[in-house]
Protein backbone atom coordinates (compact mmCIF):
# COMPACT_ATOMS: atom_id res chain seq x y z
CA MET A 1 128.05 152.14 18.51
CA GLN A 2 129.71 155.06 20.33
CA GLU A 3 127.94 157.53 18.05
CA GLN A 4 124.60 155.88 18.79
CA VAL A 5 125.12 156.25 22.49
CA GLN A 6 126.16 159.91 22.03
CA ASP A 7 123.17 160.59 19.86
CA ASP A 8 120.84 158.93 22.47
CA LEU A 9 122.39 161.02 25.25
CA ILE A 10 121.88 164.28 23.31
CA THR A 11 118.34 163.27 22.46
CA ARG A 12 117.53 162.84 26.17
CA ALA A 13 119.30 165.97 27.10
CA ARG A 14 117.30 167.91 24.53
CA ALA A 15 113.98 166.28 25.78
CA TRP A 16 114.83 167.44 29.36
CA LEU A 17 115.75 170.96 28.08
CA ALA A 18 112.49 171.22 26.22
CA GLU A 19 110.51 171.09 29.54
CA ASP A 20 112.92 172.67 31.96
CA PRO A 21 110.94 175.33 33.79
CA ASP A 22 114.01 177.12 35.11
CA PRO A 23 115.65 179.59 32.69
CA GLU A 24 119.01 179.32 34.61
CA THR A 25 119.39 175.56 34.48
CA ALA A 26 117.92 175.53 30.86
CA ALA A 27 120.63 177.86 29.73
CA GLU A 28 123.21 175.77 31.56
CA LEU A 29 122.08 172.61 29.78
CA ALA A 30 121.83 174.32 26.39
CA GLY A 31 125.46 175.42 26.76
CA ILE A 32 126.58 171.91 27.64
CA ILE A 33 124.77 170.41 24.59
CA GLU A 34 126.13 173.16 22.21
CA SER A 35 129.66 172.57 23.52
CA GLY A 36 129.43 168.85 22.72
CA ASP A 37 130.69 167.94 26.21
CA THR A 38 129.26 164.30 26.18
CA ALA A 39 131.21 163.43 29.37
CA GLU A 40 129.36 166.06 31.23
CA LEU A 41 126.06 165.03 29.85
CA ALA A 42 126.78 161.40 30.60
CA ASP A 43 127.30 162.37 34.25
CA ARG A 44 124.11 164.42 34.42
CA PHE A 45 121.94 161.82 32.64
CA ALA A 46 123.61 158.65 33.96
CA GLY A 47 120.32 157.94 35.94
CA THR A 48 118.09 159.92 38.27
CA LEU A 49 118.80 161.36 41.71
CA GLN A 50 117.54 158.69 44.05
CA PHE A 51 114.84 159.32 46.46
CA GLY A 52 115.38 157.52 49.73
CA THR A 53 114.93 157.84 53.46
CA ALA A 54 117.03 161.04 53.38
CA GLY A 55 114.57 162.32 50.59
CA LEU A 56 116.82 163.96 47.94
CA ARG A 57 120.10 165.62 48.24
CA GLY A 58 122.69 166.62 45.54
CA GLU A 59 124.34 169.39 43.63
CA ILE A 60 122.27 172.06 42.05
CA GLY A 61 122.30 171.90 38.22
CA ALA A 62 120.50 170.81 35.05
CA GLY A 63 119.62 167.17 34.43
CA PRO A 64 118.04 164.18 36.32
CA MET A 65 121.23 163.61 38.38
CA ARG A 66 121.16 167.17 39.84
CA MET A 67 118.85 169.10 42.16
CA ASN A 68 116.71 171.32 40.06
CA ARG A 69 113.01 172.41 39.56
CA GLY A 70 112.30 169.52 37.25
CA VAL A 71 113.61 166.92 39.80
CA VAL A 72 111.66 168.65 42.63
CA ILE A 73 108.43 168.88 40.67
CA ARG A 74 108.66 165.09 39.92
CA ALA A 75 109.40 164.40 43.59
CA ALA A 76 106.52 166.56 44.84
CA ALA A 77 104.19 164.78 42.33
CA GLY A 78 105.31 161.39 43.56
CA LEU A 79 104.75 162.43 47.19
CA ALA A 80 101.34 163.88 46.37
CA ALA A 81 100.35 160.60 44.63
CA TYR A 82 101.53 158.62 47.64
CA LEU A 83 99.61 160.66 50.13
CA LYS A 84 96.39 160.41 48.11
CA ALA A 85 96.83 156.70 47.87
CA GLN A 86 97.21 156.60 51.66
CA GLY A 87 93.80 158.18 52.02
CA HIS A 88 94.97 161.69 52.63
CA ALA A 89 93.33 163.44 49.63
CA GLY A 90 92.61 166.98 50.68
CA GLY A 91 95.09 166.82 53.53
CA LEU A 92 97.49 169.60 54.49
CA VAL A 93 101.16 169.62 53.49
CA VAL A 94 103.37 172.13 55.18
CA VAL A 95 106.42 173.33 53.28
CA GLY A 96 109.50 174.95 54.76
CA TYR A 97 112.84 175.97 53.32
CA ASP A 98 116.24 177.44 54.22
CA ALA A 99 118.26 180.14 52.46
CA ARG A 100 120.23 178.11 50.00
CA TYR A 101 120.30 178.58 46.30
CA LYS A 102 116.90 177.66 44.72
CA SER A 103 115.32 176.75 48.13
CA ALA A 104 112.47 179.24 47.67
CA ASP A 105 111.79 178.12 44.08
CA PHE A 106 111.72 174.49 45.22
CA ALA A 107 109.25 175.30 48.09
CA ARG A 108 106.90 177.16 45.75
CA ASP A 109 107.06 174.37 43.20
CA THR A 110 106.14 171.97 45.92
CA ALA A 111 103.22 173.99 47.06
CA ALA A 112 101.98 174.31 43.47
CA VAL A 113 102.17 170.59 42.88
CA MET A 114 100.37 169.75 46.08
CA THR A 115 97.63 172.24 45.28
CA GLY A 116 97.30 170.92 41.77
CA ALA A 117 96.92 167.36 43.09
CA GLY A 118 93.98 168.46 45.23
CA LEU A 119 95.87 168.56 48.57
CA ARG A 120 96.16 171.81 50.64
CA ALA A 121 99.54 173.42 50.92
CA ALA A 122 100.89 176.00 53.52
CA VAL A 123 104.33 177.48 53.12
CA LEU A 124 106.33 178.95 56.02
CA PRO A 125 106.65 182.76 55.82
CA ARG A 126 110.35 182.87 55.11
CA PRO A 127 113.55 180.78 55.38
CA LEU A 128 113.38 179.18 58.92
CA PRO A 129 115.12 176.49 60.75
CA THR A 130 114.10 172.83 59.93
CA PRO A 131 112.86 172.30 63.58
CA VAL A 132 110.19 174.94 62.96
CA LEU A 133 108.84 172.86 59.96
CA ALA A 134 109.05 169.69 61.94
CA TYR A 135 107.05 171.30 64.79
CA ALA A 136 104.52 172.87 62.34
CA ILE A 137 103.48 169.54 60.92
CA ARG A 138 101.79 168.29 64.16
CA HIS A 139 100.85 171.73 65.34
CA LEU A 140 98.81 172.34 62.21
CA GLY A 141 97.56 168.76 61.85
CA ALA A 142 99.21 168.19 58.55
CA VAL A 143 99.46 164.89 56.71
CA ALA A 144 102.99 165.55 55.57
CA GLY A 145 105.72 168.21 55.57
CA VAL A 146 108.64 169.03 53.18
CA GLU A 147 111.80 171.02 54.16
CA VAL A 148 113.98 172.26 51.33
CA THR A 149 117.45 172.04 52.79
CA ALA A 150 120.87 170.49 52.37
CA SER A 151 121.66 171.02 56.00
CA HIS A 152 125.51 171.32 56.32
CA ASN A 153 126.42 170.17 52.84
CA PRO A 154 128.64 172.45 50.47
CA PRO A 155 127.15 175.54 48.94
CA ARG A 156 126.12 174.08 45.61
CA ASP A 157 123.98 171.36 47.17
CA ASN A 158 120.39 171.38 48.04
CA GLY A 159 117.89 168.79 49.29
CA TYR A 160 114.38 167.73 49.89
CA LYS A 161 113.44 166.25 53.26
CA VAL A 162 110.09 164.62 53.73
CA TYR A 163 108.08 164.08 56.91
CA LEU A 164 104.81 162.27 57.45
CA GLY A 165 101.96 163.41 59.65
CA ASP A 166 103.46 162.08 62.85
CA GLY A 167 106.20 164.72 62.49
CA SER A 168 108.93 162.12 61.85
CA GLN A 169 111.05 161.79 58.70
CA ILE A 170 110.04 159.03 56.24
CA VAL A 171 111.39 155.49 56.62
CA SER A 172 110.97 152.37 54.58
CA PRO A 173 108.64 151.38 52.99
CA ALA A 174 107.29 154.85 52.48
CA ASP A 175 110.44 156.00 50.74
CA VAL A 176 110.30 153.12 48.25
CA GLU A 177 106.58 153.70 47.52
CA ILE A 178 107.13 157.36 47.04
CA ALA A 179 110.16 156.69 44.72
CA ALA A 180 108.03 154.34 42.68
CA ARG A 181 105.39 157.06 42.22
CA ILE A 182 108.05 159.54 41.22
CA ASP A 183 109.14 157.12 38.49
CA ARG A 184 105.65 157.13 37.08
CA VAL A 185 105.76 160.81 36.30
CA GLU A 186 106.38 160.87 32.57
CA THR A 187 106.52 164.67 31.70
CA LEU A 188 106.27 167.79 33.76
CA ALA A 189 103.31 168.87 31.52
CA SER A 190 101.37 166.05 33.14
CA VAL A 191 101.82 167.61 36.63
CA PRO A 192 99.16 170.38 37.32
CA ARG A 193 100.95 173.40 38.88
CA PRO A 194 98.58 176.27 39.50
CA ASP A 195 99.98 179.81 40.05
CA SER A 196 98.19 180.23 43.38
CA GLY A 197 95.82 178.50 45.74
CA TRP A 198 98.21 177.58 48.58
CA HIS A 199 98.45 179.39 51.95
CA GLU A 200 101.30 181.61 53.10
CA LEU A 201 101.70 181.10 56.79
CA GLY A 202 102.36 184.06 59.05
CA ASP A 203 104.53 184.41 62.15
CA ASP A 204 101.96 182.78 64.31
CA VAL A 205 103.50 179.30 63.65
CA LEU A 206 106.86 180.63 64.70
CA GLU A 207 105.44 182.21 67.85
CA ALA A 208 103.82 178.75 68.62
CA TYR A 209 107.20 176.99 68.22
CA LEU A 210 108.73 179.62 70.58
CA ALA A 211 106.09 178.99 73.04
CA ARG A 212 106.68 175.32 72.87
CA THR A 213 110.30 175.89 73.97
CA ASP A 214 108.88 176.76 77.38
CA ALA A 215 108.59 172.93 77.96
CA VAL A 216 112.37 172.49 77.68
CA LEU A 217 113.48 174.51 80.57
CA THR A 218 112.73 174.28 84.34
CA PRO A 219 110.88 177.37 85.62
CA GLY A 220 113.15 179.45 87.81
CA SER A 221 116.37 177.71 86.77
CA PRO A 222 119.48 179.82 86.43
CA ARG A 223 119.96 181.72 83.17
CA GLY A 224 123.31 183.52 83.66
CA VAL A 225 125.51 181.83 81.07
CA ARG A 226 127.22 184.26 78.62
CA THR A 227 127.40 182.89 75.05
CA VAL A 228 129.00 183.65 71.70
CA TYR A 229 126.74 182.35 68.97
CA THR A 230 127.18 181.61 65.20
CA ALA A 231 124.49 180.79 62.69
CA MET A 232 127.09 179.65 60.27
CA HIS A 233 125.59 181.78 57.41
CA GLY A 234 122.28 179.85 57.99
CA VAL A 235 118.80 180.60 59.25
CA GLY A 236 119.20 180.10 62.96
CA LYS A 237 120.02 183.56 64.20
CA ASP A 238 116.68 185.21 64.63
CA VAL A 239 114.96 182.24 66.18
CA VAL A 240 117.90 181.57 68.53
CA MET A 241 117.98 185.19 69.60
CA ALA A 242 114.35 185.27 70.17
CA ALA A 243 114.35 181.93 72.19
CA PHE A 244 117.23 183.20 74.40
CA ALA A 245 115.42 186.60 75.00
CA ARG A 246 112.17 184.76 75.77
CA HIS A 247 113.72 182.66 78.54
CA GLY A 248 115.84 185.57 80.07
CA PHE A 249 119.33 184.39 79.08
CA PRO A 250 121.91 187.19 78.38
CA GLU A 251 121.83 188.14 74.72
CA PRO A 252 124.39 186.00 72.88
CA VAL A 253 127.23 187.72 71.26
CA LEU A 254 126.99 187.19 67.42
CA VAL A 255 129.80 186.17 65.15
CA ALA A 256 128.80 189.06 62.76
CA GLU A 257 130.64 187.61 59.72
CA GLN A 258 128.36 184.56 59.83
CA ALA A 259 125.19 185.92 61.33
CA GLU A 260 123.08 186.46 58.26
CA PRO A 261 121.88 183.88 55.75
CA ASP A 262 124.35 183.58 52.74
CA PRO A 263 124.04 180.61 50.40
CA ALA A 264 127.65 181.04 49.28
CA PHE A 265 128.91 180.42 52.88
CA PRO A 266 131.84 182.73 52.14
CA THR A 267 133.84 182.24 55.41
CA VAL A 268 133.91 178.42 55.54
CA ALA A 269 135.06 175.60 53.27
CA PHE A 270 132.12 173.47 54.54
CA PRO A 271 129.31 175.06 56.60
CA ASN A 272 129.50 172.35 59.31
CA PRO A 273 130.78 173.13 62.80
CA GLU A 274 132.64 169.86 62.83
CA GLU A 275 134.73 170.66 59.85
CA PRO A 276 138.29 172.15 60.37
CA GLY A 277 138.25 175.92 60.37
CA ALA A 278 134.54 176.37 60.50
CA MET A 279 134.64 177.58 64.15
CA ASP A 280 137.72 179.88 63.77
CA LEU A 281 135.75 183.09 63.62
CA SER A 282 133.65 181.92 66.69
CA PHE A 283 136.89 181.30 68.75
CA ALA A 284 138.31 184.69 67.64
CA LYS A 285 135.10 186.38 68.92
CA ALA A 286 135.26 184.35 72.06
CA ALA A 287 138.91 185.46 72.65
CA GLU A 288 137.62 189.03 72.39
CA VAL A 289 134.58 188.89 74.71
CA ARG A 290 135.47 185.89 76.92
CA PRO A 291 132.04 184.23 77.21
CA ASP A 292 131.29 181.04 79.22
CA ILE A 293 130.50 178.92 76.27
CA VAL A 294 130.31 179.05 72.34
CA ILE A 295 127.25 177.71 70.53
CA ALA A 296 126.97 177.12 66.87
CA ASN A 297 124.10 175.86 64.65
CA ASP A 298 124.56 174.38 61.23
CA PRO A 299 122.86 176.29 58.35
CA ASP A 300 119.34 174.90 58.94
CA ALA A 301 119.74 175.02 62.65
CA ASP A 302 118.83 171.34 63.38
CA ARG A 303 122.33 170.67 64.83
CA CYS A 304 123.99 172.35 67.80
CA ALA A 305 127.71 172.51 68.47
CA VAL A 306 129.18 173.54 71.78
CA ALA A 307 132.68 174.80 72.65
CA VAL A 308 134.30 175.36 76.02
CA PRO A 309 137.36 177.27 77.30
CA ASP A 310 140.46 175.17 77.13
CA ALA A 311 143.84 176.82 77.84
CA SER A 312 145.78 173.90 76.29
CA THR A 313 144.55 174.60 72.75
CA PRO A 314 146.01 177.25 70.34
CA THR A 315 142.61 179.13 70.25
CA GLY A 316 141.89 178.75 73.97
CA TRP A 317 138.71 176.88 73.06
CA ARG A 318 137.73 173.29 72.47
CA MET A 319 134.75 171.95 70.43
CA LEU A 320 133.01 169.29 72.50
CA ARG A 321 132.24 166.12 70.61
CA GLY A 322 128.66 165.30 69.85
CA ASP A 323 128.97 162.36 72.24
CA GLU A 324 130.14 164.61 75.02
CA VAL A 325 127.18 167.08 74.56
CA GLY A 326 124.86 164.08 74.25
CA ALA A 327 126.00 162.67 77.65
CA LEU A 328 125.92 166.10 79.26
CA LEU A 329 122.36 166.69 78.26
CA ALA A 330 121.38 163.22 79.38
CA ALA A 331 122.85 163.77 82.83
CA HIS A 332 121.03 167.18 83.05
CA LEU A 333 117.71 165.54 82.18
CA VAL A 334 118.30 162.88 84.78
CA ARG A 335 118.91 165.48 87.34
CA LYS A 336 115.71 167.20 86.38
CA GLY A 337 113.91 163.94 87.16
CA VAL A 338 112.65 163.04 83.66
CA SER A 339 111.17 159.60 82.85
CA GLY A 340 110.85 157.90 79.53
CA VAL A 341 113.25 156.34 77.15
CA PHE A 342 116.71 157.63 76.21
CA ALA A 343 117.67 156.67 72.70
CA GLU A 344 120.71 157.02 70.39
CA SER A 345 122.01 155.64 67.13
CA ILE A 346 124.36 152.79 67.08
CA VAL A 347 127.31 154.97 66.05
CA SER A 348 126.98 157.13 69.19
CA SER A 349 128.73 156.50 72.52
CA SER A 350 127.68 153.72 74.79
CA LEU A 351 127.93 156.07 77.67
CA LEU A 352 124.31 157.10 77.29
CA GLY A 353 123.29 153.47 78.06
CA ARG A 354 125.33 153.56 81.31
CA ILE A 355 123.72 156.86 82.33
CA ALA A 356 120.24 155.53 81.53
CA GLU A 357 120.83 152.34 83.43
CA ALA A 358 122.21 154.12 86.57
CA ALA A 359 119.17 156.48 86.47
CA GLY A 360 116.58 153.65 85.97
CA VAL A 361 115.25 155.10 82.71
CA GLY A 362 114.71 153.08 79.41
CA TYR A 363 117.35 152.95 76.80
CA GLN A 364 117.26 151.91 73.18
CA GLU A 365 119.68 151.81 70.16
CA THR A 366 118.57 152.61 66.59
CA LEU A 367 119.98 152.81 63.12
CA THR A 368 121.68 156.06 62.26
CA GLY A 369 119.38 159.12 61.77
CA PHE A 370 116.57 160.84 63.63
CA LYS A 371 114.08 159.08 61.30
CA TRP A 372 114.77 156.01 63.51
CA ILE A 373 115.46 157.75 66.89
CA ALA A 374 112.20 159.81 66.81
CA ARG A 375 110.17 156.54 66.35
CA VAL A 376 111.26 155.03 69.59
CA GLU A 377 108.30 154.34 71.71
CA GLY A 378 108.17 156.44 74.94
CA LEU A 379 111.05 158.62 73.69
CA ARG A 380 112.14 161.28 76.15
CA TYR A 381 115.56 162.17 74.84
CA GLY A 382 117.47 161.17 71.78
CA TYR A 383 120.80 162.05 70.28
CA GLU A 384 123.48 161.05 67.85
CA GLU A 385 127.13 162.04 67.66
CA ALA A 386 126.76 164.17 64.65
CA LEU A 387 125.61 167.06 66.87
CA GLY A 388 121.96 166.14 66.77
CA TYR A 389 119.75 166.30 69.87
CA CYS A 390 116.01 165.82 70.35
CA VAL A 391 115.24 167.24 73.84
CA ASP A 392 111.49 167.73 73.38
CA PRO A 393 110.01 164.93 71.26
CA GLU A 394 106.51 165.92 71.96
CA GLY A 395 107.28 169.19 70.32
CA VAL A 396 109.63 168.33 67.59
CA ARG A 397 110.24 164.64 66.56
CA ASP A 398 113.58 165.35 65.06
CA LYS A 399 116.87 166.97 66.03
CA ASP A 400 116.49 170.54 66.99
CA GLY A 401 119.54 172.78 67.46
CA ILE A 402 117.54 175.66 68.99
CA THR A 403 115.94 173.75 71.96
CA ALA A 404 119.25 171.90 72.42
CA ALA A 405 121.02 175.24 72.70
CA LEU A 406 118.50 176.31 75.37
CA LEU A 407 119.08 173.20 77.37
CA VAL A 408 122.84 173.49 77.09
CA ALA A 409 122.59 177.20 78.30
CA GLU A 410 120.42 176.15 81.24
CA LEU A 411 122.94 173.45 82.14
CA ALA A 412 125.89 175.74 81.82
CA SER A 413 124.09 178.36 83.86
CA GLU A 414 123.45 175.88 86.78
CA LEU A 415 127.07 174.80 86.71
CA LYS A 416 128.27 178.41 86.59
CA GLU A 417 126.39 179.11 89.83
CA GLN A 418 128.25 176.28 91.36
CA GLY A 419 131.61 177.60 90.22
CA ARG A 420 131.90 174.71 87.66
CA GLY A 421 131.76 174.24 83.99
CA LEU A 422 130.67 171.56 81.47
CA THR A 423 134.08 169.81 81.52
CA ASP A 424 133.67 169.29 85.30
CA LEU A 425 130.53 167.42 84.68
CA LEU A 426 132.22 165.41 82.01
CA ASP A 427 134.78 164.39 84.65
CA ASP A 428 132.04 163.42 86.95
CA LEU A 429 130.66 161.10 84.34
CA ALA A 430 133.99 159.57 83.57
CA LEU A 431 134.60 158.79 87.21
CA ALA A 432 131.07 157.20 87.52
CA HIS A 433 131.01 155.25 84.29
CA GLY A 434 134.61 154.98 82.91
CA LEU A 435 136.06 157.29 80.37
CA HIS A 436 134.28 156.83 77.04
CA ALA A 437 136.61 158.19 74.41
CA THR A 438 135.31 158.59 70.89
CA ASP A 439 136.68 159.60 67.56
CA GLN A 440 135.91 159.39 63.91
CA LEU A 441 137.76 158.39 60.77
CA SER A 442 135.98 160.21 57.93
CA VAL A 443 137.08 160.08 54.35
CA ARG A 444 135.59 162.34 51.75
CA VAL A 445 135.78 161.02 48.08
CA SER A 446 135.17 162.25 44.69
CA ASP A 447 134.64 158.78 43.33
CA LEU A 448 132.01 156.75 45.13
CA SER A 449 133.54 153.54 44.03
CA VAL A 450 136.32 154.18 46.63
CA ILE A 451 133.67 153.74 49.35
CA ALA A 452 132.15 150.58 47.77
CA ASP A 453 135.70 149.11 47.40
CA ALA A 454 136.58 149.81 50.97
CA MET A 455 133.40 148.12 52.35
CA ALA A 456 133.97 145.19 49.91
CA ALA A 457 137.56 144.83 51.16
CA LEU A 458 136.47 144.76 54.90
CA ARG A 459 133.67 142.19 54.17
CA ALA A 460 136.09 139.97 52.26
CA GLU A 461 138.77 140.12 54.95
CA PRO A 462 137.53 141.42 58.20
CA PRO A 463 140.35 142.53 60.53
CA VAL A 464 141.33 140.07 63.35
CA SER A 465 142.78 142.77 65.48
CA LEU A 466 142.94 146.58 65.70
CA ALA A 467 145.41 148.49 67.81
CA GLY A 468 146.64 145.20 69.21
CA LEU A 469 143.08 144.46 70.45
CA ARG A 470 141.44 141.20 69.31
CA VAL A 471 138.29 141.52 67.25
CA VAL A 472 135.92 139.36 69.15
CA SER A 473 132.85 140.01 66.84
CA ALA A 474 132.49 141.21 63.32
CA GLU A 475 128.87 141.92 62.32
CA ASP A 476 127.67 142.72 58.86
CA LEU A 477 124.77 144.91 59.56
CA THR A 478 123.13 144.26 56.16
CA VAL A 479 121.87 141.05 57.58
CA GLY A 480 119.75 142.91 60.19
CA SER A 481 118.63 141.47 63.59
CA ALA A 482 115.69 141.47 65.90
CA ALA A 483 116.82 144.75 67.33
CA LEU A 484 117.86 146.63 64.04
CA PRO A 485 116.64 146.59 60.40
CA PRO A 486 119.37 145.93 57.80
CA THR A 487 121.77 148.70 56.92
CA ASP A 488 124.90 149.07 54.99
CA GLY A 489 127.47 148.92 57.82
CA LEU A 490 129.96 146.83 59.67
CA ARG A 491 130.44 146.63 63.47
CA TYR A 492 133.44 145.31 65.34
CA HIS A 493 133.77 144.69 69.07
CA LEU A 494 137.34 144.57 70.39
CA ASP A 495 138.66 142.88 73.59
CA GLY A 496 141.45 143.84 76.01
CA ASP A 497 142.22 146.16 78.75
CA HIS A 498 140.23 148.85 76.87
CA LYS A 499 136.84 147.68 75.61
CA ALA A 500 136.51 149.22 72.07
CA ARG A 501 133.90 149.34 69.32
CA VAL A 502 134.21 150.29 65.65
CA ILE A 503 131.34 150.88 63.19
CA VAL A 504 131.98 151.56 59.50
CA ARG A 505 129.34 152.87 57.11
CA PRO A 506 128.91 155.08 54.05
CA SER A 507 127.38 158.46 54.87
CA GLY A 508 123.67 158.74 53.90
CA THR A 509 123.90 162.44 52.88
CA GLU A 510 127.59 163.08 51.79
CA PRO A 511 130.25 161.32 49.64
CA LYS A 512 132.02 160.05 52.73
CA LEU A 513 133.09 156.76 54.36
CA LYS A 514 132.61 157.17 58.06
CA CYS A 515 134.12 155.10 60.76
CA TYR A 516 133.07 155.55 64.39
CA LEU A 517 135.44 154.53 67.18
CA GLU A 518 134.90 154.12 70.89
CA VAL A 519 137.24 153.10 73.67
CA VAL A 520 136.17 152.68 77.37
CA VAL A 521 139.06 153.36 79.72
CA PRO A 522 138.79 152.52 83.37
CA VAL A 523 139.52 155.48 85.66
CA ALA A 524 141.17 154.87 89.05
CA GLY A 525 140.22 158.27 90.35
CA ALA A 526 140.24 162.00 89.80
CA SER A 527 144.03 162.04 89.64
CA ASP A 528 143.98 159.43 86.83
CA LEU A 529 141.67 161.31 84.50
CA ALA A 530 144.32 163.05 82.39
CA ALA A 531 146.27 159.83 82.02
CA ALA A 532 143.08 158.02 81.11
CA ARG A 533 142.37 160.46 78.31
CA THR A 534 145.84 160.13 76.98
CA ARG A 535 145.55 156.30 77.06
CA GLY A 536 142.19 156.43 75.34
CA GLN A 537 143.35 158.81 72.56
CA GLY A 538 146.39 156.62 71.98
CA VAL A 539 144.23 153.60 71.38
CA LEU A 540 141.88 155.51 69.13
CA ASP A 541 144.81 156.72 67.02
CA ALA A 542 146.10 153.24 66.71
CA ILE A 543 142.72 151.93 65.66
CA LYS A 544 142.39 154.64 63.07
CA LYS A 545 145.80 153.60 61.51
CA ASP A 546 145.05 149.87 61.42
CA LEU A 547 141.49 150.32 60.18
CA SER A 548 142.62 152.65 57.47
CA ALA A 549 145.08 150.09 56.29
CA ALA A 550 142.53 147.28 56.46
CA ALA A 551 140.00 149.27 54.34
CA GLY A 552 142.68 150.60 51.85
CA ILE A 553 141.75 154.20 52.50
């Protein structure tokens, strides 16, 4: 029986190898077959990389459980078939890509498949930020868009993000229908892939994106903030520098070691500003040139991180949490007199709701991800705690780390003219609405069953208290509600002197279990702020400890 299983595995591997269009992955797979490493083959052929609302994302390599040209060609063919079934035959599909390994190959394959299917394809002129692709879809009147990127994942990963013609990422049922059509692709030979016929876009689409950034800032607003900027080895540098120059901000000082695209991401363990150590070079540069703020993008520049001077830290700088930047931008937009709906994902701080209520603007919670936030009717501003901000939904219906950086720079410039900084405005918000302290317990795993086991343990025996606070409600979000579609997550509300909330969910893009914590601490006055922060962090630390024990992680 075991020999039959192994023979079947090798037969499937050889069939895959026979049509692999990439000499590099073909050689890799041939070597594995020749070595007789059936465990490695079993891992690569255990199924197929699943296409969902995040599109595709995984490690580059040979086989259906990896990101490679064969998987991408099938995905593109499934997307093309879906678009034609929706009545978009002959429609335009825009393709963008970052600077990761194989990104350019995957983009060309996608354009070839779309062309062969009778659609029109246009490819961005070079590796560019994801927000440029999201903008180009509506700007060019496309029926869909594809961005080849793995965002802030490890170097060996790549991904395939799909947008429809409204400029928003796909959601159900489109993802299910596309996945079904991908499954119908029997062989790569059945997918027409001409060598030409698609359009290579010029810089005019980038110029149009930069012109659209004019809508983000107030004419005549202060522009004096001094910035250190890192592109985190990604594709953000040129567009950010052009945007800052266009709007009259001082030229950001670059973190030279991370300024140019490099798919190896040599200076960071993970190319994510939130990860420990990722900002060390930025803080070293800031210590040297003493700017007002530090701004970082992730590799595809759809996220924006902000750091501020803080003498109490070893580096002299502190990364603001995504929730803090989200609240700061909301407060800035309120002061600019905007109208519309402010939206955030359920894992983000409830402070946004307080700000919106006080300002008399609309407010809505969504599931995690900008594929949901961008679809909020009347959206004016959306954010989520993972450093994602949508500050111009009419221009880009997704998170955009470039326009967010511009808005942060405008806010910091205005505060600088008043002799204040971003942390002073955070203090104002705490005094007005209570101190909303947030934190995260994030566990990266090599075995996905650890995540499933933790979720099962919490469902089987929900905690009755955390950090000495009684759990007053325990919601299983897979049930769904009138306000939210079903999702794999758990939400707890706690009672006591400090109102607290906990959400537990598997990451949609990485092998992580993520737990999002919030505590709201009353503040008696300005003299109580420091003590309130200490109290809040103490409760958050205690919740982390108890939650970890309850989940067995």
